[in-house]
Amino acid sequence: MQFYSELVERTLDEKEKKEALGIQMNSASMKKRETLKNADLQTSKAKEQIEKLRSAIAAGREAKLTARNPALTAAEEALNDATYHIHSAEALTSAALSDCEIMVEYCDMVEHARQEYQKELASLLPEVKLGEKGKNLTQDELNNLISHAHRKIEQLQKQLAKQQISEKQRFQQALEKQQQEHSRILDKRISLEIEKQTKESDLQFQKKLSEMSDEFEQELRIQLRRQAAAHSDHLQDVLKLQQTQFHSEFQEQLKEKLKKARREFEANLAVSFAKLQGIEQGMKARAELNKSAKLSQELWLTSQSLKSAVTGTTAHHWTQKPKPLQPEIDKLLKASDESRPIISIILSSIPEQAKKRGIYPETALKERFLQVHKVCRRVALIDEKGGSLIRFGLSYLQSFLIIDAYSGMSAEDLATKPVDPSKLSPFDILFRAKGCIERNDLEQALRYMNLLQGAPRVVADDWLKEVRLTLEIQQAASTLIALSTTLGVQAYV
């Protein structure tokens, strides 16, 4: 790759040998691709062999017969060195490949600038063939060429000034990015070095422990052989005593070494455990956020389903049978969380009639109101005790003579303007309620219709019950949607 970068750089300087250099560049490019492909293949094979060696070492350490074999220690050292060299080679390859790509891009930019300049000269001097020998330029052509060169130089100087300013900013940004990349690579190299040093320390400890054990055993055998040359009966007791003493000393030293190694290991383990706890806490917090977000989404979807069931039921006319809401409520109960009992409380407040029978939509209630309004006007003068046939006739006749005085009132006046209920006649109440119905204010119409008394109240009683039931379900659905929105906001705050 370095040779390929040098060839690219030479093509910028050596114009006459450009064709020969192009052939060399093509050959070098093919060799570069083959080299990278071969390097990737060899790296993959090396990593496979390293993994096999690591598995073999682990199997040897687990076996009791070969656990303390010195060959395993040497194999682990070779494994660590090979891993370190592979990582280093990959880093060098990535850096060289990046330099090569930068040089190719620079060469393309220079070649593009040359072609653009040749086009400008060709448009300025169309009769002159650039690069042709044996033909001199006229004075005008030479002046035009010099003038164009001066303008080109001034233009390039201005572009250079602008480019220097922009390149300074880009350089600062690139420097910051390079510092960040350098920090990342440095952290990675530090972690690799720490891992390598840790493994080497463990290997040295195992090796030292094995050497000390062999030295103590060898020294014990030497002492026993020397004592065996003396009187056998007397030396038997002495040898036993010395053996016990050496064994005790060895055990004490071994215990001290093991304690020291254990303390170092526990210290490293405590640091790793603290990091692991931090990661675990972060993962738990993230899982809790995801759980809350999922609950919010499911609750919002099921609440929207309930609201759609309320507003989009198949019973569009009040004479049709409504659809039960129990399936939608069961979906909400299934999507609710036991840690939030408010959802169950809201659902338990829904009347059983709405669950089993269903409710009428606003369109059906408005259609039914027209019939109720018509009948209530005809019996507006009849009280709770009833009346004579003449009174019924007068009430019926008056219903045709009374004019709606509230048809021109706005919805805001009907809903917010203070009024004395005791001064409202049944016709006033009915006209106000009708105005609210026409303005889609079902709740305010319910308030006015509740003021009716006598026979009109009896006629409107069933309609009032259905309106209350529909408004209760709408309020519950709106509350659940607001609750799901709140849970969703809390999950991302």
Protein backbone atom coordinates (compact mmCIF):
# COMPACT_ATOMS: atom_id res chain seq x y z
CA MET A 1 0.00 0.00 0.00
CA GLN A 2 2.91 2.38 0.66
CA PHE A 3 4.35 1.66 -2.82
CA TYR A 4 0.91 2.32 -4.34
CA SER A 5 0.70 5.69 -2.53
CA GLU A 6 4.19 6.61 -3.82
CA LEU A 7 3.14 5.78 -7.40
CA VAL A 8 0.04 7.96 -7.04
CA GLU A 9 2.21 10.82 -5.81
CA ARG A 10 4.69 10.37 -8.71
CA THR A 11 1.87 10.68 -11.28
CA LEU A 12 1.37 14.27 -10.12
CA ASP A 13 5.00 15.24 -10.85
CA GLU A 14 6.14 13.09 -13.80
CA LYS A 15 3.90 13.99 -16.76
CA GLU A 16 5.97 12.27 -19.47
CA LYS A 17 5.98 8.91 -17.68
CA LYS A 18 2.31 9.08 -16.78
CA GLU A 19 1.32 6.18 -19.07
CA ALA A 20 4.05 3.92 -17.68
CA LEU A 21 3.18 4.96 -14.17
CA GLY A 22 -0.50 4.19 -14.87
CA ILE A 23 0.45 0.62 -15.79
CA GLN A 24 2.51 0.33 -12.62
CA MET A 25 -0.40 1.80 -10.61
CA ASN A 26 -2.82 -0.77 -12.03
CA SER A 27 -0.39 -3.54 -11.19
CA ALA A 28 0.19 -2.11 -7.71
CA SER A 29 -3.57 -1.73 -7.17
CA MET A 30 -4.12 -5.40 -8.03
CA LYS A 31 -1.28 -6.40 -5.71
CA LYS A 32 -2.75 -4.18 -2.98
CA ARG A 33 -6.16 -5.87 -3.27
CA GLU A 34 -4.56 -9.31 -3.31
CA THR A 35 -2.41 -8.38 -0.31
CA LEU A 36 -5.42 -7.11 1.67
CA LYS A 37 -7.44 -10.19 0.74
CA ASN A 38 -4.55 -12.48 1.72
CA ALA A 39 -4.05 -10.51 4.95
CA ASP A 40 -7.73 -10.88 5.87
CA LEU A 41 -7.57 -14.60 5.11
CA GLN A 42 -4.39 -15.09 7.13
CA THR A 43 -5.82 -13.02 10.00
CA SER A 44 -8.97 -15.16 10.07
CA LYS A 45 -6.90 -18.34 10.07
CA ALA A 46 -4.65 -16.98 12.81
CA LYS A 47 -7.64 -16.06 14.95
CA GLU A 48 -9.11 -19.54 14.46
CA GLN A 49 -5.82 -21.11 15.54
CA ILE A 50 -5.67 -18.76 18.55
CA GLU A 51 -9.17 -19.80 19.60
CA LYS A 52 -8.24 -23.47 19.25
CA LEU A 53 -5.10 -22.86 21.33
CA ARG A 54 -7.13 -20.99 23.96
CA SER A 55 -9.61 -23.89 24.16
CA ALA A 56 -6.77 -26.40 24.48
CA ILE A 57 -5.15 -24.36 27.27
CA ALA A 58 -8.47 -24.07 29.10
CA ALA A 59 -9.00 -27.83 28.82
CA GLY A 60 -5.48 -28.43 30.14
CA ARG A 61 -6.06 -26.11 33.11
CA GLU A 62 -9.29 -27.88 33.99
CA ALA A 63 -7.65 -31.31 34.04
CA LYS A 64 -5.98 -32.18 37.35
CA LEU A 65 -3.07 -34.04 35.75
CA THR A 66 -2.02 -31.15 33.50
CA ALA A 67 -3.23 -28.14 35.49
CA ARG A 68 0.31 -27.19 36.65
CA ASN A 69 2.19 -28.23 33.55
CA PRO A 70 4.86 -25.58 32.63
CA ALA A 71 4.06 -26.08 28.96
CA LEU A 72 0.64 -24.53 29.53
CA THR A 73 2.28 -21.39 30.94
CA ALA A 74 4.53 -21.06 27.91
CA ALA A 75 1.55 -21.65 25.63
CA GLU A 76 -0.41 -18.89 27.39
CA GLU A 77 2.51 -16.48 26.95
CA ALA A 78 2.67 -17.30 23.25
CA LEU A 79 -1.11 -16.88 23.00
CA ASN A 80 -0.98 -13.42 24.57
CA ASP A 81 1.89 -12.33 22.30
CA ALA A 82 0.09 -13.58 19.19
CA THR A 83 -3.14 -11.80 20.15
CA TYR A 84 -1.26 -8.56 20.80
CA HIS A 85 0.61 -8.75 17.47
CA ILE A 86 -2.59 -9.44 15.52
CA HIS A 87 -4.31 -6.40 17.05
CA SER A 88 -1.25 -4.25 16.30
CA ALA A 89 -1.07 -5.47 12.69
CA GLU A 90 -4.77 -4.73 12.15
CA ALA A 91 -4.28 -1.18 13.46
CA LEU A 92 -1.27 -0.58 11.15
CA THR A 93 -3.18 -1.97 8.15
CA SER A 94 -6.14 0.34 8.82
CA ALA A 95 -3.82 3.37 9.08
CA ALA A 96 -2.00 2.52 5.83
CA LEU A 97 -5.26 1.94 3.98
CA SER A 98 -6.56 5.31 5.18
CA ASP A 99 -3.37 7.09 3.95
CA CYS A 100 -3.69 5.37 0.57
CA GLU A 101 -7.31 6.48 0.15
CA ILE A 102 -6.38 10.07 1.02
CA MET A 103 -3.57 10.11 -1.59
CA VAL A 104 -5.89 8.72 -4.31
CA GLU A 105 -8.49 11.36 -3.53
CA TYR A 106 -5.80 14.08 -3.69
CA CYS A 107 -4.56 12.78 -7.06
CA ASP A 108 -8.11 12.86 -8.48
CA MET A 109 -8.55 16.46 -7.31
CA VAL A 110 -5.27 17.57 -8.98
CA GLU A 111 -6.10 15.78 -12.23
CA HIS A 112 -9.54 17.39 -12.28
CA ALA A 113 -7.96 20.85 -11.80
CA ARG A 114 -5.54 20.20 -14.71
CA GLN A 115 -8.34 19.21 -17.05
CA GLU A 116 -10.40 22.27 -16.11
CA TYR A 117 -7.40 24.55 -16.80
CA GLN A 118 -6.80 22.91 -20.19
CA LYS A 119 -10.46 23.47 -21.09
CA GLU A 120 -10.12 27.16 -20.18
CA LEU A 121 -7.02 27.52 -22.41
CA ALA A 122 -8.74 25.70 -25.26
CA SER A 123 -11.74 28.05 -25.07
CA LEU A 124 -9.39 31.08 -24.90
CA LEU A 125 -7.13 29.96 -27.80
CA PRO A 126 -9.26 27.61 -29.92
CA GLU A 127 -6.85 27.70 -32.88
CA VAL A 128 -3.84 26.71 -30.81
CA LYS A 129 -3.31 23.05 -30.02
CA LEU A 130 -1.86 22.73 -26.56
CA GLY A 131 1.26 20.64 -26.30
CA GLU A 132 2.03 20.86 -30.07
CA LYS A 133 5.71 21.53 -30.83
CA GLY A 134 7.17 23.69 -33.59
CA LYS A 135 4.48 26.38 -33.59
CA ASN A 136 5.01 29.79 -31.99
CA LEU A 137 2.19 31.89 -30.55
CA THR A 138 1.35 35.29 -32.02
CA GLN A 139 1.69 38.45 -29.98
CA ASP A 140 -2.09 38.68 -29.41
CA GLU A 141 -2.33 35.03 -28.45
CA LEU A 142 0.61 35.45 -26.10
CA ASN A 143 -0.97 38.59 -24.55
CA ASN A 144 -4.30 36.81 -24.14
CA LEU A 145 -2.55 33.86 -22.57
CA ILE A 146 -0.60 36.12 -20.16
CA SER A 147 -3.76 38.12 -19.30
CA HIS A 148 -5.68 34.92 -18.66
CA ALA A 149 -2.80 33.63 -16.53
CA HIS A 150 -2.85 36.85 -14.45
CA ARG A 151 -6.61 36.59 -13.96
CA LYS A 152 -6.27 32.94 -13.10
CA ILE A 153 -3.53 33.74 -10.57
CA GLU A 154 -5.66 36.47 -8.95
CA GLN A 155 -8.63 34.13 -8.85
CA LEU A 156 -6.53 31.37 -7.34
CA GLN A 157 -5.07 33.81 -4.79
CA LYS A 158 -8.58 34.81 -3.69
CA GLN A 159 -9.62 31.18 -3.58
CA LEU A 160 -6.44 30.41 -1.66
CA ALA A 161 -7.25 33.11 0.92
CA LYS A 162 -10.78 31.79 1.34
CA GLN A 163 -9.49 28.24 1.36
CA GLN A 164 -6.92 29.09 4.04
CA ILE A 165 -9.66 30.48 6.28
CA SER A 166 -11.97 27.52 5.67
CA GLU A 167 -9.08 25.06 5.92
CA LYS A 168 -8.08 26.62 9.22
CA GLN A 169 -11.56 25.96 10.54
CA ARG A 170 -11.57 22.49 8.99
CA PHE A 171 -8.14 21.86 10.42
CA GLN A 172 -9.37 22.86 13.87
CA GLN A 173 -12.37 20.57 13.49
CA ALA A 174 -10.19 17.78 12.11
CA LEU A 175 -7.74 18.33 14.95
CA GLU A 176 -10.52 18.02 17.50
CA LYS A 177 -11.84 14.93 15.72
CA GLN A 178 -8.31 13.50 15.56
CA GLN A 179 -7.87 14.16 19.27
CA GLN A 180 -11.10 12.34 19.99
CA GLU A 181 -10.07 9.48 17.71
CA HIS A 182 -6.63 9.45 19.29
CA SER A 183 -8.20 9.30 22.74
CA ARG A 184 -10.41 6.42 21.63
CA ILE A 185 -7.49 4.53 20.12
CA LEU A 186 -5.36 5.32 23.16
CA ASP A 187 -8.06 4.01 25.48
CA LYS A 188 -8.30 0.87 23.36
CA ARG A 189 -4.52 0.40 23.39
CA ILE A 190 -4.42 1.02 27.12
CA SER A 191 -7.14 -1.56 27.69
CA LEU A 192 -5.22 -4.03 25.48
CA GLU A 193 -2.00 -3.32 27.37
CA ILE A 194 -3.77 -3.67 30.72
CA GLU A 195 -5.28 -6.95 29.60
CA LYS A 196 -1.90 -8.12 28.35
CA GLN A 197 -0.13 -7.08 31.57
CA THR A 198 -2.83 -8.77 33.65
CA LYS A 199 -2.48 -12.01 31.74
CA GLU A 200 1.31 -11.80 31.93
CA SER A 201 1.11 -11.20 35.69
CA ASP A 202 -1.14 -14.22 36.10
CA LEU A 203 1.22 -16.32 34.02
CA GLN A 204 4.24 -15.10 35.97
CA PHE A 205 2.46 -15.91 39.20
CA GLN A 206 1.64 -19.43 38.04
CA LYS A 207 5.17 -19.89 36.75
CA LYS A 208 6.73 -18.57 39.96
CA LEU A 209 4.48 -20.74 42.07
CA SER A 210 5.43 -23.81 40.07
CA GLU A 211 9.15 -22.95 40.28
CA MET A 212 8.97 -22.39 44.04
CA SER A 213 7.17 -25.68 44.51
CA ASP A 214 9.81 -27.49 42.46
CA GLU A 215 12.62 -25.75 44.33
CA PHE A 216 11.20 -26.62 47.72
CA GLU A 217 10.64 -30.23 46.72
CA GLN A 218 14.13 -30.47 45.24
CA GLU A 219 15.69 -28.90 48.31
CA LEU A 220 13.76 -31.28 50.53
CA ARG A 221 15.02 -34.28 48.58
CA ILE A 222 18.63 -33.01 48.79
CA GLN A 223 18.39 -32.60 52.53
CA LEU A 224 16.92 -36.04 52.89
CA ARG A 225 19.70 -37.59 50.81
CA ARG A 226 22.37 -35.87 52.93
CA GLN A 227 20.81 -37.02 56.17
CA ALA A 228 20.48 -40.56 54.80
CA ALA A 229 24.28 -40.88 54.75
CA ALA A 230 24.40 -40.68 58.56
CA HIS A 231 23.12 -43.16 61.05
CA SER A 232 19.87 -44.50 59.68
CA ASP A 233 18.09 -45.04 63.01
CA HIS A 234 18.96 -41.65 64.44
CA LEU A 235 18.47 -39.84 61.16
CA GLN A 236 15.00 -41.23 60.60
CA ASP A 237 13.64 -39.06 63.40
CA VAL A 238 15.71 -36.08 62.28
CA LEU A 239 14.57 -36.46 58.68
CA LYS A 240 10.97 -36.61 59.74
CA LEU A 241 11.44 -33.50 61.85
CA GLN A 242 13.16 -31.62 59.05
CA GLN A 243 10.57 -32.76 56.55
CA THR A 244 7.86 -31.46 58.81
CA GLN A 245 9.73 -28.19 59.30
CA PHE A 246 10.34 -27.67 55.59
CA HIS A 247 6.78 -28.53 54.80
CA SER A 248 5.53 -26.05 57.39
CA GLU A 249 7.78 -23.31 56.06
CA PHE A 250 6.68 -24.07 52.54
CA GLN A 251 3.04 -23.99 53.56
CA GLU A 252 3.53 -20.66 55.36
CA GLN A 253 5.29 -19.09 52.40
CA LEU A 254 2.72 -20.54 50.08
CA LYS A 255 -0.08 -19.16 52.25
CA GLU A 256 1.53 -15.71 52.26
CA LYS A 257 1.93 -15.75 48.50
CA LEU A 258 -1.63 -16.94 48.06
CA LYS A 259 -2.94 -14.29 50.45
CA LYS A 260 -1.09 -11.57 48.57
CA ALA A 261 -2.35 -12.85 45.24
CA ARG A 262 -5.85 -13.16 46.65
CA ARG A 263 -5.78 -9.57 47.93
CA GLU A 264 -4.71 -8.29 44.53
CA PHE A 265 -7.30 -10.42 42.80
CA GLU A 266 -10.05 -9.30 45.19
CA ALA A 267 -9.11 -5.65 44.64
CA ASN A 268 -9.34 -6.07 40.87
CA LEU A 269 -12.53 -8.06 41.30
CA ALA A 270 -14.06 -5.30 43.45
CA VAL A 271 -13.35 -2.70 40.76
CA SER A 272 -14.82 -4.93 38.06
CA PHE A 273 -17.82 -5.74 40.24
CA ALA A 274 -18.48 -2.04 40.86
CA LYS A 275 -18.42 -1.39 37.11
CA LEU A 276 -20.70 -4.37 36.55
CA GLN A 277 -23.14 -3.07 39.16
CA GLY A 278 -23.22 0.32 37.45
CA ILE A 279 -23.93 -1.32 34.10
CA GLU A 280 -26.59 -3.53 35.68
CA GLN A 281 -28.30 -0.55 37.33
CA GLY A 282 -28.28 1.32 34.03
CA MET A 283 -29.76 -1.69 32.24
CA LYS A 284 -32.44 -2.08 34.91
CA ALA A 285 -33.33 1.60 34.67
CA ARG A 286 -33.49 1.32 30.91
CA ALA A 287 -35.65 -1.79 31.16
CA GLU A 288 -38.00 0.02 33.52
CA LEU A 289 -38.26 2.93 31.08
CA ASN A 290 -38.97 0.56 28.22
CA LYS A 291 -41.58 -1.21 30.34
CA SER A 292 -43.30 2.09 31.17
CA ALA A 293 -43.18 3.18 27.54
CA LYS A 294 -44.62 -0.12 26.38
CA LEU A 295 -47.37 0.06 29.01
CA SER A 296 -48.14 3.61 27.92
CA GLN A 297 -48.39 2.58 24.27
CA GLU A 298 -50.59 -0.44 25.00
CA LEU A 299 -52.80 1.59 27.34
CA TRP A 300 -53.10 4.39 24.77
CA LEU A 301 -54.02 1.97 21.98
CA THR A 302 -56.61 0.14 24.08
CA SER A 303 -58.01 3.46 25.35
CA GLN A 304 -58.32 4.69 21.78
CA SER A 305 -60.04 1.40 20.98
CA LEU A 306 -62.52 2.04 23.82
CA LYS A 307 -63.09 5.60 22.63
CA SER A 308 -63.60 4.34 19.07
CA ALA A 309 -66.06 1.76 20.38
CA VAL A 310 -67.93 4.57 22.14
CA THR A 311 -68.06 6.91 19.15
CA GLY A 312 -68.07 4.34 16.34
CA THR A 313 -70.54 1.68 17.53
CA THR A 314 -72.82 0.06 14.97
CA ALA A 315 -75.99 1.42 16.66
CA HIS A 316 -76.24 4.67 14.65
CA HIS A 317 -79.97 4.97 15.37
CA TRP A 318 -81.50 4.95 18.82
CA THR A 319 -83.84 2.12 17.83
CA GLN A 320 -80.90 -0.18 17.04
CA LYS A 321 -79.25 -2.40 19.62
CA PRO A 322 -75.88 -1.03 20.85
CA LYS A 323 -72.66 -3.05 21.02
CA PRO A 324 -71.43 -4.25 24.48
CA LEU A 325 -68.20 -2.65 25.78
CA GLN A 326 -67.02 -5.66 27.80
CA PRO A 327 -64.45 -6.82 25.15
CA GLU A 328 -62.79 -3.38 25.09
CA ILE A 329 -62.73 -3.22 28.90
CA ASP A 330 -61.16 -6.70 29.04
CA LYS A 331 -58.41 -5.48 26.70
CA LEU A 332 -57.74 -2.51 29.00
CA LEU A 333 -57.57 -4.76 32.06
CA LYS A 334 -55.13 -7.05 30.25
CA ALA A 335 -52.91 -4.12 29.23
CA SER A 336 -52.98 -2.49 32.70
CA ASP A 337 -50.15 -2.82 35.22
CA GLU A 338 -50.72 -4.08 38.76
CA SER A 339 -48.44 -1.32 40.08
CA ARG A 340 -50.93 1.29 38.84
CA PRO A 341 -54.31 0.47 40.43
CA ILE A 342 -55.83 3.73 39.16
CA ILE A 343 -56.55 2.01 35.82
CA SER A 344 -58.58 -0.72 37.53
CA ILE A 345 -60.38 1.93 39.60
CA ILE A 346 -61.35 3.86 36.46
CA LEU A 347 -62.56 0.70 34.73
CA SER A 348 -64.50 -0.45 37.80
CA SER A 349 -66.38 2.86 37.78
CA ILE A 350 -67.93 1.99 34.41
CA PRO A 351 -71.56 0.87 34.96
CA GLU A 352 -72.43 -2.76 34.35
CA GLN A 353 -75.15 -1.70 31.92
CA ALA A 354 -72.54 -0.18 29.61
CA LYS A 355 -70.35 -3.28 29.84
CA LYS A 356 -73.09 -5.80 29.06
CA ARG A 357 -75.53 -3.83 26.90
CA GLY A 358 -73.41 -1.00 25.48
CA ILE A 359 -74.19 2.67 24.93
CA TYR A 360 -75.72 4.85 22.24
CA PRO A 361 -73.47 7.27 20.33
CA GLU A 362 -74.08 10.99 20.25
CA THR A 363 -75.74 10.82 16.82
CA ALA A 364 -78.37 8.36 18.07
CA LEU A 365 -78.94 10.43 21.22
CA LYS A 366 -79.39 13.59 19.13
CA GLU A 367 -81.95 11.86 16.92
CA ARG A 368 -83.78 10.58 19.97
CA PHE A 369 -83.69 14.06 21.51
CA LEU A 370 -85.75 15.42 18.63
CA GLN A 371 -88.55 12.97 19.46
CA VAL A 372 -88.22 13.66 23.21
CA HIS A 373 -88.21 17.43 22.58
CA LYS A 374 -91.37 17.16 20.50
CA VAL A 375 -93.27 15.16 23.13
CA CYS A 376 -92.02 17.33 26.03
CA ARG A 377 -93.29 20.48 24.32
CA ARG A 378 -96.74 18.94 23.97
CA VAL A 379 -96.94 18.08 27.72
CA ALA A 380 -95.00 21.12 29.00
CA LEU A 381 -97.97 22.39 31.09
CA ILE A 382 -98.65 19.04 32.79
CA ASP A 383 -97.21 18.64 36.31
CA GLU A 384 -96.41 15.53 38.36
CA LYS A 385 -100.07 14.93 39.29
CA GLY A 386 -101.23 14.91 35.69
CA GLY A 387 -104.07 17.02 34.28
CA SER A 388 -107.42 17.04 32.62
CA LEU A 389 -108.03 16.47 28.95
CA ILE A 390 -108.55 20.20 28.48
CA ARG A 391 -105.17 20.94 30.06
CA PHE A 392 -103.54 18.44 27.75
CA GLY A 393 -105.21 20.13 24.82
CA LEU A 394 -104.05 23.57 25.92
CA SER A 395 -100.50 22.29 26.38
CA TYR A 396 -100.57 20.71 22.94
CA LEU A 397 -101.91 23.92 21.38
CA GLN A 398 -99.38 26.10 23.16
CA SER A 399 -96.51 23.96 21.82
CA PHE A 400 -97.37 25.25 18.34
CA LEU A 401 -97.72 28.86 19.42
CA ILE A 402 -94.46 29.23 21.38
CA ILE A 403 -91.56 30.61 19.32
CA ASP A 404 -87.94 29.52 19.91
CA ALA A 405 -86.34 32.66 21.39
CA TYR A 406 -82.92 31.04 21.92
CA SER A 407 -82.11 29.92 18.38
CA GLY A 408 -79.85 32.93 17.86
CA MET A 409 -77.82 32.49 21.07
CA SER A 410 -74.21 31.36 20.76
CA ALA A 411 -72.88 28.16 22.33
CA GLU A 412 -70.80 30.22 24.78
CA ASP A 413 -73.88 32.14 26.01
CA LEU A 414 -75.85 28.94 26.44
CA ALA A 415 -73.03 27.31 28.42
CA THR A 416 -71.59 30.16 30.51
CA LYS A 417 -74.14 32.99 30.74
CA PRO A 418 -75.66 33.06 34.29
CA VAL A 419 -79.34 32.10 34.45
CA ASP A 420 -81.88 31.65 37.24
CA PRO A 421 -83.33 28.11 36.90
CA SER A 422 -86.46 29.08 38.85
CA LYS A 423 -87.38 31.64 36.18
CA LEU A 424 -87.09 29.24 33.27
CA SER A 425 -90.28 27.77 31.87
CA PRO A 426 -90.34 24.24 30.43
CA PHE A 427 -90.31 25.77 26.93
CA ASP A 428 -87.22 27.86 27.82
CA ILE A 429 -85.47 24.75 29.10
CA LEU A 430 -86.37 22.73 26.00
CA PHE A 431 -85.30 25.50 23.61
CA ARG A 432 -81.99 25.98 25.45
CA ALA A 433 -81.35 22.23 25.43
CA LYS A 434 -82.14 22.08 21.72
CA GLY A 435 -79.66 24.89 21.06
CA CYS A 436 -76.97 22.96 22.94
CA ILE A 437 -77.76 19.80 20.94
CA GLU A 438 -77.49 21.71 17.67
CA ARG A 439 -74.08 23.01 18.82
CA ASN A 440 -72.88 19.48 19.82
CA ASP A 441 -72.81 20.37 23.53
CA LEU A 442 -74.43 17.20 24.90
CA GLU A 443 -73.21 17.81 28.45
CA GLN A 444 -74.81 21.28 28.70
CA ALA A 445 -78.02 19.92 27.16
CA LEU A 446 -78.08 17.32 29.95
CA ARG A 447 -77.80 20.08 32.55
CA TYR A 448 -80.78 21.95 31.06
CA MET A 449 -82.92 18.80 30.68
CA ASN A 450 -82.31 17.96 34.35
CA LEU A 451 -84.26 21.14 35.21
CA LEU A 452 -87.48 19.70 33.76
CA GLN A 453 -90.26 18.71 36.12
CA GLY A 454 -93.62 17.06 35.84
CA ALA A 455 -94.65 15.18 32.72
CA PRO A 456 -91.73 16.53 30.60
CA ARG A 457 -89.32 15.09 33.15
CA VAL A 458 -91.04 11.70 32.95
CA VAL A 459 -90.86 11.77 29.14
CA ALA A 460 -87.14 12.74 29.12
CA ASP A 461 -86.07 10.43 31.96
CA ASP A 462 -84.90 7.53 29.76
CA TRP A 463 -83.04 9.90 27.44
CA LEU A 464 -81.30 11.51 30.44
CA LYS A 465 -80.12 8.10 31.68
CA GLU A 466 -78.67 7.20 28.29
CA VAL A 467 -76.89 10.56 28.01
CA ARG A 468 -75.36 10.17 31.48
CA LEU A 469 -74.18 6.68 30.58
CA THR A 470 -72.57 7.86 27.33
CA LEU A 471 -70.87 10.83 29.02
CA GLU A 472 -69.51 8.58 31.79
CA ILE A 473 -67.92 6.25 29.24
CA GLN A 474 -66.48 9.18 27.27
CA GLN A 475 -65.05 10.67 30.46
CA ALA A 476 -63.47 7.32 31.43
CA ALA A 477 -61.94 6.92 27.94
CA SER A 478 -60.56 10.48 28.00
CA THR A 479 -59.11 9.90 31.49
CA LEU A 480 -57.39 6.70 30.36
CA ILE A 481 -55.95 8.43 27.27
CA ALA A 482 -54.64 11.28 29.44
CA LEU A 483 -53.15 8.73 31.87
CA SER A 484 -51.41 6.85 29.04
CA THR A 485 -50.00 10.14 27.71
CA THR A 486 -48.71 11.02 31.19
CA LEU A 487 -47.04 7.61 31.52
CA GLY A 488 -45.43 8.04 28.11
CA VAL A 489 -44.06 11.47 29.04
CA GLN A 490 -42.72 10.17 32.36
CA ALA A 491 -40.97 7.31 30.59
CA TYR A 492 -38.87 9.71 28.48
CA VAL A 493 -38.26 12.51 31.00
